[in-house]
Amino acid sequence: MDGRAEQLDELRLSPAYIALIRQRDAFARRMTWLVMATFMIYFGALAWLPDSMAAVTPEGGSVGLWLSVIGIAMGIAFAVLYTWRMNTCYDPALRRLLASLDTD
């Protein structure tokens, strides 16, 4: 086995790496459930409350239209939050772990 493969095997067995993967997976799971809950509430309202979704707001739009806009905005916000968290927390931690392997 070459040196890089041995380093990767060493990394996979590292307690710090295992903890990082667990944290990252837990965050991804929470975000997945949050996004699913948001969209399931929206689709549930479409299916079971069609009259409420068709109600006209004082501004002239329908409730369904505004909830659609809010749903899209929340989807974008979730994507931004997920990307920001990965780029600022988990990716630097992984880089530090890889750098520590190179110095050992």
PDB file of N, CA and C in Angstrom:
ATOM      1  N   MET A   1       0.840  -1.171   0.000  1.00  0.00           N
ATOM      2  CA  MET A   1       0.000   0.000   0.000  1.00  0.00           C
ATOM      3  C   MET A   1       0.889   1.239   0.000  1.00  0.00           C
ATOM      4  N   ASP A   2       0.497   2.267  -0.752  1.00  0.00           N
ATOM      5  CA  ASP A   2       1.314   3.473  -0.788  1.00  0.00           C
ATOM      6  C   ASP A   2       1.034   4.329   0.447  1.00  0.00           C
ATOM      7  N   GLY A   3       1.832   5.373   0.623  1.00  0.00           N
ATOM      8  CA  GLY A   3       1.751   6.221   1.807  1.00  0.00           C
ATOM      9  C   GLY A   3       0.426   6.935   1.960  1.00  0.00           C
ATOM     10  N   ARG A   4      -0.126   7.408   0.848  1.00  0.00           N
ATOM     11  CA  ARG A   4      -1.392   8.152   0.914  1.00  0.00           C
ATOM     12  C   ARG A   4      -2.546   7.246   1.345  1.00  0.00           C
ATOM     13  N   ALA A   5      -2.573   6.023   0.847  1.00  0.00           N
ATOM     14  CA  ALA A   5      -3.624   5.079   1.238  1.00  0.00           C
ATOM     15  C   ALA A   5      -3.518   4.744   2.722  1.00  0.00           C
ATOM     16  N   GLU A   6      -2.295   4.610   3.218  1.00  0.00           N
ATOM     17  CA  GLU A   6      -2.106   4.348   4.645  1.00  0.00           C
ATOM     18  C   GLU A   6      -2.581   5.533   5.472  1.00  0.00           C
ATOM     19  N   GLN A   7      -2.313   6.756   4.985  1.00  0.00           N
ATOM     20  CA  GLN A   7      -2.781   7.951   5.690  1.00  0.00           C
ATOM     21  C   GLN A   7      -4.301   7.995   5.738  1.00  0.00           C
ATOM     22  N   LEU A   8      -4.945   7.643   4.640  1.00  0.00           N
ATOM     23  CA  LEU A   8      -6.406   7.654   4.609  1.00  0.00           C
ATOM     24  C   LEU A   8      -6.983   6.593   5.538  1.00  0.00           C
ATOM     25  N   ASP A   9      -6.345   5.427   5.596  1.00  0.00           N
ATOM     26  CA  ASP A   9      -6.793   4.402   6.541  1.00  0.00           C
ATOM     27  C   ASP A   9      -6.629   4.887   7.975  1.00  0.00           C
ATOM     28  N   GLU A  10      -5.508   5.565   8.227  1.00  0.00           N
ATOM     29  CA  GLU A  10      -5.268   6.128   9.555  1.00  0.00           C
ATOM     30  C   GLU A  10      -6.320   7.191   9.883  1.00  0.00           C
ATOM     31  N   LEU A  11      -6.665   7.995   8.889  1.00  0.00           N
ATOM     32  CA  LEU A  11      -7.678   9.033   9.083  1.00  0.00           C
ATOM     33  C   LEU A  11      -9.028   8.416   9.424  1.00  0.00           C
ATOM     34  N   ARG A  12      -9.421   7.384   8.710  1.00  0.00           N
ATOM     35  CA  ARG A  12     -10.724   6.740   8.942  1.00  0.00           C
ATOM     36  C   ARG A  12     -10.841   6.147  10.343  1.00  0.00           C
ATOM     37  N   LEU A  13      -9.725   5.785  10.930  1.00  0.00           N
ATOM     38  CA  LEU A  13      -9.732   5.208  12.274  1.00  0.00           C
ATOM     39  C   LEU A  13      -9.555   6.257  13.361  1.00  0.00           C
ATOM     40  N   SER A  14      -9.284   7.486  12.971  1.00  0.00           N
ATOM     41  CA  SER A  14      -9.044   8.563  13.930  1.00  0.00           C
ATOM     42  C   SER A  14     -10.329   8.924  14.678  1.00  0.00           C
ATOM     43  N   PRO A  15     -10.277   9.009  16.009  1.00  0.00           N
ATOM     44  CA  PRO A  15     -11.470   9.409  16.770  1.00  0.00           C
ATOM     45  C   PRO A  15     -11.966  10.808  16.387  1.00  0.00           C
ATOM     46  N   ALA A  16     -11.059  11.709  16.060  1.00  0.00           N
ATOM     47  CA  ALA A  16     -11.470  13.061  15.660  1.00  0.00           C
ATOM     48  C   ALA A  16     -12.240  13.021  14.343  1.00  0.00           C
ATOM     49  N   TYR A  17     -11.808  12.192  13.421  1.00  0.00           N
ATOM     50  CA  TYR A  17     -12.503  12.060  12.134  1.00  0.00           C
ATOM     51  C   TYR A  17     -13.882  11.433  12.327  1.00  0.00           C
ATOM     52  N   ILE A  18     -13.949  10.414  13.138  1.00  0.00           N
ATOM     53  CA  ILE A  18     -15.233   9.754  13.400  1.00  0.00           C
ATOM     54  C   ILE A  18     -16.203  10.738  14.045  1.00  0.00           C
ATOM     55  N   ALA A  19     -15.712  11.544  14.995  1.00  0.00           N
ATOM     56  CA  ALA A  19     -16.567  12.552  15.640  1.00  0.00           C
ATOM     57  C   ALA A  19     -17.031  13.597  14.628  1.00  0.00           C
ATOM     58  N   LEU A  20     -16.139  14.013  13.745  1.00  0.00           N
ATOM     59  CA  LEU A  20     -16.494  14.999  12.722  1.00  0.00           C
ATOM     60  C   LEU A  20     -17.576  14.451  11.793  1.00  0.00           C
ATOM     61  N   ILE A  21     -17.425  13.221  11.365  1.00  0.00           N
ATOM     62  CA  ILE A  21     -18.417  12.610  10.476  1.00  0.00           C
ATOM     63  C   ILE A  21     -19.766  12.488  11.180  1.00  0.00           C
ATOM     64  N   ARG A  22     -19.754  12.115  12.445  1.00  0.00           N
ATOM     65  CA  ARG A  22     -21.017  12.019  13.194  1.00  0.00           C
ATOM     66  C   ARG A  22     -21.692  13.382  13.313  1.00  0.00           C
ATOM     67  N   GLN A  23     -20.898  14.425  13.617  1.00  0.00           N
ATOM     68  CA  GLN A  23     -21.470  15.775  13.720  1.00  0.00           C
ATOM     69  C   GLN A  23     -22.060  16.212  12.390  1.00  0.00           C
ATOM     70  N   ARG A  24     -21.319  15.982  11.334  1.00  0.00           N
ATOM     71  CA  ARG A  24     -21.779  16.391  10.009  1.00  0.00           C
ATOM     72  C   ARG A  24     -23.035  15.627   9.597  1.00  0.00           C
ATOM     73  N   ASP A  25     -23.055  14.352   9.857  1.00  0.00           N
ATOM     74  CA  ASP A  25     -24.242  13.554   9.532  1.00  0.00           C
ATOM     75  C   ASP A  25     -25.450  13.990  10.358  1.00  0.00           C
ATOM     76  N   ALA A  26     -25.228  14.288  11.632  1.00  0.00           N
ATOM     77  CA  ALA A  26     -26.335  14.728  12.490  1.00  0.00           C
ATOM     78  C   ALA A  26     -26.903  16.053  11.987  1.00  0.00           C
ATOM     79  N   PHE A  27     -26.029  16.978  11.603  1.00  0.00           N
ATOM     80  CA  PHE A  27     -26.501  18.260  11.071  1.00  0.00           C
ATOM     81  C   PHE A  27     -27.263  18.045   9.764  1.00  0.00           C
ATOM     82  N   ALA A  28     -26.728  17.219   8.895  1.00  0.00           N
ATOM     83  CA  ALA A  28     -27.396  16.953   7.614  1.00  0.00           C
ATOM     84  C   ALA A  28     -28.753  16.295   7.842  1.00  0.00           C
ATOM     85  N   ARG A  29     -28.835  15.385   8.799  1.00  0.00           N
ATOM     86  CA  ARG A  29     -30.110  14.740   9.107  1.00  0.00           C
ATOM     87  C   ARG A  29     -31.129  15.745   9.636  1.00  0.00           C
ATOM     88  N   ARG A  30     -30.694  16.630  10.547  1.00  0.00           N
ATOM     89  CA  ARG A  30     -31.610  17.650  11.077  1.00  0.00           C
ATOM     90  C   ARG A  30     -32.101  18.569   9.973  1.00  0.00           C
ATOM     91  N   MET A  31     -31.205  18.972   9.098  1.00  0.00           N
ATOM     92  CA  MET A  31     -31.604  19.847   7.990  1.00  0.00           C
ATOM     93  C   MET A  31     -32.576  19.123   7.060  1.00  0.00           C
ATOM     94  N   THR A  32     -32.329  17.858   6.804  1.00  0.00           N
ATOM     95  CA  THR A  32     -33.222  17.082   5.944  1.00  0.00           C
ATOM     96  C   THR A  32     -34.621  17.029   6.539  1.00  0.00           C
ATOM     97  N   TRP A  33     -34.716  16.732   7.830  1.00  0.00           N
ATOM     98  CA  TRP A  33     -36.029  16.669   8.478  1.00  0.00           C
ATOM     99  C   TRP A  33     -36.714  18.026   8.488  1.00  0.00           C
ATOM    100  N   LEU A  34     -35.946  19.087   8.697  1.00  0.00           N
ATOM    101  CA  LEU A  34     -36.515  20.434   8.705  1.00  0.00           C
ATOM    102  C   LEU A  34     -37.077  20.804   7.333  1.00  0.00           C
ATOM    103  N   VAL A  35     -36.315  20.530   6.295  1.00  0.00           N
ATOM    104  CA  VAL A  35     -36.781  20.819   4.931  1.00  0.00           C
ATOM    105  C   VAL A  35     -38.001  19.960   4.600  1.00  0.00           C
ATOM    106  N   MET A  36     -37.938  18.685   4.938  1.00  0.00           N
ATOM    107  CA  MET A  36     -39.079  17.804   4.654  1.00  0.00           C
ATOM    108  C   MET A  36     -40.330  18.261   5.391  1.00  0.00           C
ATOM    109  N   ALA A  37     -40.185  18.641   6.655  1.00  0.00           N
ATOM    110  CA  ALA A  37     -41.345  19.099   7.428  1.00  0.00           C
ATOM    111  C   ALA A  37     -41.938  20.361   6.817  1.00  0.00           C
ATOM    112  N   THR A  38     -41.080  21.288   6.421  1.00  0.00           N
ATOM    113  CA  THR A  38     -41.558  22.534   5.824  1.00  0.00           C
ATOM    114  C   THR A  38     -42.367  22.259   4.565  1.00  0.00           C
ATOM    115  N   PHE A  39     -41.820  21.464   3.676  1.00  0.00           N
ATOM    116  CA  PHE A  39     -42.510  21.217   2.416  1.00  0.00           C
ATOM    117  C   PHE A  39     -43.715  20.293   2.587  1.00  0.00           C
ATOM    118  N   MET A  40     -43.665  19.373   3.536  1.00  0.00           N
ATOM    119  CA  MET A  40     -44.827  18.510   3.766  1.00  0.00           C
ATOM    120  C   MET A  40     -45.992  19.316   4.343  1.00  0.00           C
ATOM    121  N   ILE A  41     -45.699  20.294   5.188  1.00  0.00           N
ATOM    122  CA  ILE A  41     -46.764  21.166   5.696  1.00  0.00           C
ATOM    123  C   ILE A  41     -47.388  21.934   4.537  1.00  0.00           C
ATOM    124  N   TYR A  42     -46.542  22.450   3.661  1.00  0.00           N
ATOM    125  CA  TYR A  42     -47.055  23.194   2.506  1.00  0.00           C
ATOM    126  C   TYR A  42     -47.915  22.291   1.610  1.00  0.00           C
ATOM    127  N   PHE A  43     -47.394  21.119   1.261  1.00  0.00           N
ATOM    128  CA  PHE A  43     -48.150  20.220   0.386  1.00  0.00           C
ATOM    129  C   PHE A  43     -49.399  19.688   1.078  1.00  0.00           C
ATOM    130  N   GLY A  44     -49.319  19.485   2.389  1.00  0.00           N
ATOM    131  CA  GLY A  44     -50.505  19.076   3.134  1.00  0.00           C
ATOM    132  C   GLY A  44     -51.577  20.152   3.105  1.00  0.00           C
ATOM    133  N   ALA A  45     -51.157  21.402   3.233  1.00  0.00           N
ATOM    134  CA  ALA A  45     -52.123  22.504   3.150  1.00  0.00           C
ATOM    135  C   ALA A  45     -52.745  22.565   1.757  1.00  0.00           C
ATOM    136  N   LEU A  46     -51.939  22.333   0.733  1.00  0.00           N
ATOM    137  CA  LEU A  46     -52.494  22.307  -0.625  1.00  0.00           C
ATOM    138  C   LEU A  46     -53.539  21.207  -0.779  1.00  0.00           C
ATOM    139  N   ALA A  47     -53.259  20.052  -0.201  1.00  0.00           N
ATOM    140  CA  ALA A  47     -54.149  18.906  -0.378  1.00  0.00           C
ATOM    141  C   ALA A  47     -55.406  18.990   0.482  1.00  0.00           C
ATOM    142  N   TRP A  48     -55.246  19.392   1.738  1.00  0.00           N
ATOM    143  CA  TRP A  48     -56.375  19.303   2.657  1.00  0.00           C
ATOM    144  C   TRP A  48     -57.042  20.640   2.975  1.00  0.00           C
ATOM    145  N   LEU A  49     -56.440  21.740   2.587  1.00  0.00           N
ATOM    146  CA  LEU A  49     -57.045  23.052   2.840  1.00  0.00           C
ATOM    147  C   LEU A  49     -57.097  23.889   1.561  1.00  0.00           C
ATOM    148  N   PRO A  50     -57.631  23.341   0.487  1.00  0.00           N
ATOM    149  CA  PRO A  50     -57.600  24.088  -0.776  1.00  0.00           C
ATOM    150  C   PRO A  50     -58.377  25.407  -0.712  1.00  0.00           C
ATOM    151  N   ASP A  51     -59.462  25.439   0.056  1.00  0.00           N
ATOM    152  CA  ASP A  51     -60.222  26.689   0.152  1.00  0.00           C
ATOM    153  C   ASP A  51     -59.419  27.768   0.872  1.00  0.00           C
ATOM    154  N   SER A  52     -58.692  27.367   1.904  1.00  0.00           N
ATOM    155  CA  SER A  52     -57.855  28.336   2.618  1.00  0.00           C
ATOM    156  C   SER A  52     -56.716  28.828   1.735  1.00  0.00           C
ATOM    157  N   MET A  53     -56.153  27.935   0.943  1.00  0.00           N
ATOM    158  CA  MET A  53     -55.050  28.322   0.060  1.00  0.00           C
ATOM    159  C   MET A  53     -55.538  29.272  -1.030  1.00  0.00           C
ATOM    160  N   ALA A  54     -56.813  29.152  -1.406  1.00  0.00           N
ATOM    161  CA  ALA A  54     -57.358  30.010  -2.460  1.00  0.00           C
ATOM    162  C   ALA A  54     -57.893  31.327  -1.917  1.00  0.00           C
ATOM    163  N   ALA A  55     -57.899  31.484  -0.597  1.00  0.00           N
ATOM    164  CA  ALA A  55     -58.419  32.723  -0.004  1.00  0.00           C
ATOM    165  C   ALA A  55     -57.582  33.914  -0.462  1.00  0.00           C
ATOM    166  N   VAL A  56     -58.249  35.038  -0.657  1.00  0.00           N
ATOM    167  CA  VAL A  56     -57.576  36.247  -1.138  1.00  0.00           C
ATOM    168  C   VAL A  56     -57.087  37.050   0.062  1.00  0.00           C
ATOM    169  N   THR A  57     -55.835  37.515  -0.022  1.00  0.00           N
ATOM    170  CA  THR A  57     -55.273  38.361   1.030  1.00  0.00           C
ATOM    171  C   THR A  57     -55.668  39.809   0.777  1.00  0.00           C
ATOM    172  N   PRO A  58     -55.563  40.678   1.788  1.00  0.00           N
ATOM    173  CA  PRO A  58     -55.906  42.093   1.590  1.00  0.00           C
ATOM    174  C   PRO A  58     -55.072  42.772   0.493  1.00  0.00           C
ATOM    175  N   GLU A  59     -53.871  42.263   0.251  1.00  0.00           N
ATOM    176  CA  GLU A  59     -53.017  42.851  -0.784  1.00  0.00           C
ATOM    177  C   GLU A  59     -53.443  42.431  -2.184  1.00  0.00           C
ATOM    178  N   GLY A  60     -54.319  41.459  -2.288  1.00  0.00           N
ATOM    179  CA  GLY A  60     -54.823  41.045  -3.588  1.00  0.00           C
ATOM    180  C   GLY A  60     -54.349  39.691  -4.068  1.00  0.00           C
ATOM    181  N   GLY A  61     -53.326  39.118  -3.463  1.00  0.00           N
ATOM    182  CA  GLY A  61     -52.850  37.796  -3.863  1.00  0.00           C
ATOM    183  C   GLY A  61     -53.580  36.714  -3.091  1.00  0.00           C
ATOM    184  N   SER A  62     -53.334  35.488  -3.448  1.00  0.00           N
ATOM    185  CA  SER A  62     -53.949  34.387  -2.702  1.00  0.00           C
ATOM    186  C   SER A  62     -52.986  33.910  -1.613  1.00  0.00           C
ATOM    187  N   VAL A  63     -53.533  33.262  -0.620  1.00  0.00           N
ATOM    188  CA  VAL A  63     -52.719  32.711   0.459  1.00  0.00           C
ATOM    189  C   VAL A  63     -51.738  31.689  -0.112  1.00  0.00           C
ATOM    190  N   GLY A  64     -52.193  30.869  -1.043  1.00  0.00           N
ATOM    191  CA  GLY A  64     -51.330  29.865  -1.657  1.00  0.00           C
ATOM    192  C   GLY A  64     -50.137  30.472  -2.373  1.00  0.00           C
ATOM    193  N   LEU A  65     -50.362  31.601  -3.036  1.00  0.00           N
ATOM    194  CA  LEU A  65     -49.259  32.277  -3.726  1.00  0.00           C
ATOM    195  C   LEU A  65     -48.199  32.722  -2.730  1.00  0.00           C
ATOM    196  N   TRP A  66     -48.645  33.353  -1.641  1.00  0.00           N
ATOM    197  CA  TRP A  66     -47.684  33.837  -0.652  1.00  0.00           C
ATOM    198  C   TRP A  66     -46.988  32.691   0.062  1.00  0.00           C
ATOM    199  N   LEU A  67     -47.711  31.619   0.332  1.00  0.00           N
ATOM    200  CA  LEU A  67     -47.066  30.463   0.950  1.00  0.00           C
ATOM    201  C   LEU A  67     -46.063  29.814  -0.001  1.00  0.00           C
ATOM    202  N   SER A  68     -46.337  29.853  -1.296  1.00  0.00           N
ATOM    203  CA  SER A  68     -45.375  29.340  -2.284  1.00  0.00           C
ATOM    204  C   SER A  68     -44.105  30.172  -2.278  1.00  0.00           C
ATOM    205  N   VAL A  69     -44.261  31.479  -2.249  1.00  0.00           N
ATOM    206  CA  VAL A  69     -43.093  32.369  -2.212  1.00  0.00           C
ATOM    207  C   VAL A  69     -42.296  32.129  -0.932  1.00  0.00           C
ATOM    208  N   ILE A  70     -42.996  32.002   0.189  1.00  0.00           N
ATOM    209  CA  ILE A  70     -42.317  31.734   1.458  1.00  0.00           C
ATOM    210  C   ILE A  70     -41.613  30.379   1.407  1.00  0.00           C
ATOM    211  N   GLY A  71     -42.251  29.368   0.821  1.00  0.00           N
ATOM    212  CA  GLY A  71     -41.635  28.046   0.705  1.00  0.00           C
ATOM    213  C   GLY A  71     -40.365  28.069  -0.131  1.00  0.00           C
ATOM    214  N   ILE A  72     -40.395  28.801  -1.230  1.00  0.00           N
ATOM    215  CA  ILE A  72     -39.199  28.921  -2.075  1.00  0.00           C
ATOM    216  C   ILE A  72     -38.098  29.652  -1.320  1.00  0.00           C
ATOM    217  N   ALA A  73     -38.466  30.737  -0.634  1.00  0.00           N
ATOM    218  CA  ALA A  73     -37.472  31.494   0.139  1.00  0.00           C
ATOM    219  C   ALA A  73     -36.866  30.633   1.245  1.00  0.00           C
ATOM    220  N   MET A  74     -37.694  29.837   1.899  1.00  0.00           N
ATOM    221  CA  MET A  74     -37.170  28.955   2.944  1.00  0.00           C
ATOM    222  C   MET A  74     -36.259  27.881   2.360  1.00  0.00           C
ATOM    223  N   GLY A  75     -36.605  27.352   1.194  1.00  0.00           N
ATOM    224  CA  GLY A  75     -35.734  26.377   0.538  1.00  0.00           C
ATOM    225  C   GLY A  75     -34.371  26.967   0.221  1.00  0.00           C
ATOM    226  N   ILE A  76     -34.368  28.195  -0.276  1.00  0.00           N
ATOM    227  CA  ILE A  76     -33.099  28.878  -0.558  1.00  0.00           C
ATOM    228  C   ILE A  76     -32.337  29.122   0.737  1.00  0.00           C
ATOM    229  N   ALA A  77     -33.048  29.565   1.776  1.00  0.00           N
ATOM    230  CA  ALA A  77     -32.395  29.823   3.064  1.00  0.00           C
ATOM    231  C   ALA A  77     -31.787  28.545   3.643  1.00  0.00           C
ATOM    232  N   PHE A  78     -32.495  27.429   3.539  1.00  0.00           N
ATOM    233  CA  PHE A  78     -31.955  26.159   4.031  1.00  0.00           C
ATOM    234  C   PHE A  78     -30.695  25.768   3.257  1.00  0.00           C
ATOM    235  N   ALA A  79     -30.710  25.960   1.949  1.00  0.00           N
ATOM    236  CA  ALA A  79     -29.532  25.631   1.132  1.00  0.00           C
ATOM    237  C   ALA A  79     -28.349  26.512   1.506  1.00  0.00           C
ATOM    238  N   VAL A  80     -28.610  27.797   1.720  1.00  0.00           N
ATOM    239  CA  VAL A  80     -27.540  28.722   2.115  1.00  0.00           C
ATOM    240  C   VAL A  80     -26.992  28.334   3.485  1.00  0.00           C
ATOM    241  N   LEU A  81     -27.873  28.039   4.435  1.00  0.00           N
ATOM    242  CA  LEU A  81     -27.435  27.649   5.777  1.00  0.00           C
ATOM    243  C   LEU A  81     -26.603  26.370   5.734  1.00  0.00           C
ATOM    244  N   TYR A  82     -27.052  25.394   4.980  1.00  0.00           N
ATOM    245  CA  TYR A  82     -26.323  24.128   4.881  1.00  0.00           C
ATOM    246  C   TYR A  82     -24.936  24.348   4.276  1.00  0.00           C
ATOM    247  N   THR A  83     -24.886  25.095   3.185  1.00  0.00           N
ATOM    248  CA  THR A  83     -23.605  25.357   2.522  1.00  0.00           C
ATOM    249  C   THR A  83     -22.675  26.149   3.426  1.00  0.00           C
ATOM    250  N   TRP A  84     -23.207  27.164   4.093  1.00  0.00           N
ATOM    251  CA  TRP A  84     -22.392  27.981   4.993  1.00  0.00           C
ATOM    252  C   TRP A  84     -21.828  27.125   6.116  1.00  0.00           C
ATOM    253  N   ARG A  85     -22.674  26.292   6.705  1.00  0.00           N
ATOM    254  CA  ARG A  85     -22.226  25.461   7.826  1.00  0.00           C
ATOM    255  C   ARG A  85     -21.144  24.475   7.382  1.00  0.00           C
ATOM    256  N   MET A  86     -21.335  23.860   6.228  1.00  0.00           N
ATOM    257  CA  MET A  86     -20.325  22.921   5.735  1.00  0.00           C
ATOM    258  C   MET A  86     -19.006  23.639   5.450  1.00  0.00           C
ATOM    259  N   ASN A  87     -19.080  24.806   4.816  1.00  0.00           N
ATOM    260  CA  ASN A  87     -17.867  25.529   4.435  1.00  0.00           C
ATOM    261  C   ASN A  87     -17.143  26.151   5.619  1.00  0.00           C
ATOM    262  N   THR A  88     -17.868  26.537   6.667  1.00  0.00           N
ATOM    263  CA  THR A  88     -17.214  27.221   7.784  1.00  0.00           C
ATOM    264  C   THR A  88     -16.875  26.305   8.946  1.00  0.00           C
ATOM    265  N   CYS A  89     -17.573  25.206   9.096  1.00  0.00           N
ATOM    266  CA  CYS A  89     -17.335  24.330  10.251  1.00  0.00           C
ATOM    267  C   CYS A  89     -16.656  23.017   9.880  1.00  0.00           C
ATOM    268  N   TYR A  90     -17.292  22.283   9.004  1.00  0.00           N
ATOM    269  CA  TYR A  90     -16.856  20.908   8.782  1.00  0.00           C
ATOM    270  C   TYR A  90     -15.697  20.790   7.794  1.00  0.00           C
ATOM    271  N   ASP A  91     -15.705  21.567   6.726  1.00  0.00           N
ATOM    272  CA  ASP A  91     -14.601  21.490   5.765  1.00  0.00           C
ATOM    273  C   ASP A  91     -13.274  21.942   6.378  1.00  0.00           C
ATOM    274  N   PRO A  92     -13.220  23.069   7.139  1.00  0.00           N
ATOM    275  CA  PRO A  92     -11.954  23.429   7.780  1.00  0.00           C
ATOM    276  C   PRO A  92     -11.482  22.375   8.784  1.00  0.00           C
ATOM    277  N   ALA A  93     -12.408  21.771   9.506  1.00  0.00           N
ATOM    278  CA  ALA A  93     -12.020  20.724  10.457  1.00  0.00           C
ATOM    279  C   ALA A  93     -11.421  19.525   9.722  1.00  0.00           C
ATOM    280  N   LEU A  94     -11.993  19.175   8.589  1.00  0.00           N
ATOM    281  CA  LEU A  94     -11.441  18.075   7.801  1.00  0.00           C
ATOM    282  C   LEU A  94     -10.061  18.445   7.260  1.00  0.00           C
ATOM    283  N   ARG A  95      -9.902  19.687   6.809  1.00  0.00           N
ATOM    284  CA  ARG A  95      -8.582  20.125   6.325  1.00  0.00           C
ATOM    285  C   ARG A  95      -7.538  20.053   7.439  1.00  0.00           C
ATOM    286  N   ARG A  96      -7.922  20.451   8.659  1.00  0.00           N
ATOM    287  CA  ARG A  96      -6.987  20.369   9.792  1.00  0.00           C
ATOM    288  C   ARG A  96      -6.604  18.920  10.074  1.00  0.00           C
ATOM    289  N   LEU A  97      -7.573  18.020  10.002  1.00  0.00           N
ATOM    290  CA  LEU A  97      -7.264  16.602  10.212  1.00  0.00           C
ATOM    291  C   LEU A  97      -6.308  16.075   9.147  1.00  0.00           C
ATOM    292  N   LEU A  98      -6.558  16.448   7.900  1.00  0.00           N
ATOM    293  CA  LEU A  98      -5.667  16.011   6.817  1.00  0.00           C
ATOM    294  C   LEU A  98      -4.276  16.612   6.978  1.00  0.00           C
ATOM    295  N   ALA A  99      -4.207  17.869   7.407  1.00  0.00           N
ATOM    296  CA  ALA A  99      -2.905  18.509   7.619  1.00  0.00           C
ATOM    297  C   ALA A  99      -2.157  17.837   8.762  1.00  0.00           C
ATOM    298  N   SER A 100      -2.877  17.416   9.796  1.00  0.00           N
ATOM    299  CA  SER A 100      -2.208  16.743  10.912  1.00  0.00           C
ATOM    300  C   SER A 100      -1.640  15.397  10.473  1.00  0.00           C
ATOM    301  N   LEU A 101      -2.273  14.753   9.505  1.00  0.00           N
ATOM    302  CA  LEU A 101      -1.723  13.501   8.977  1.00  0.00           C
ATOM    303  C   LEU A 101      -0.441  13.750   8.205  1.00  0.00           C
ATOM    304  N   ASP A 102      -0.399  14.870   7.472  1.00  0.00           N
ATOM    305  CA  ASP A 102       0.790  15.184   6.684  1.00  0.00           C
ATOM    306  C   ASP A 102       1.982  15.513   7.570  1.00  0.00           C
ATOM    307  N   THR A 103       1.717  16.090   8.760  1.00  0.00           N
ATOM    308  CA  THR A 103       2.825  16.472   9.635  1.00  0.00           C
ATOM    309  C   THR A 103       3.314  15.313  10.489  1.00  0.00           C
ATOM    310  N   ASP A 104       2.482  14.278  10.627  1.00  0.00           N
ATOM    311  CA  ASP A 104       2.890  13.126  11.463  1.00  0.00           C
ATOM    312  C   ASP A 104       3.920  12.279  10.784  1.00  0.00           C
TER     313      ASP A 104
END
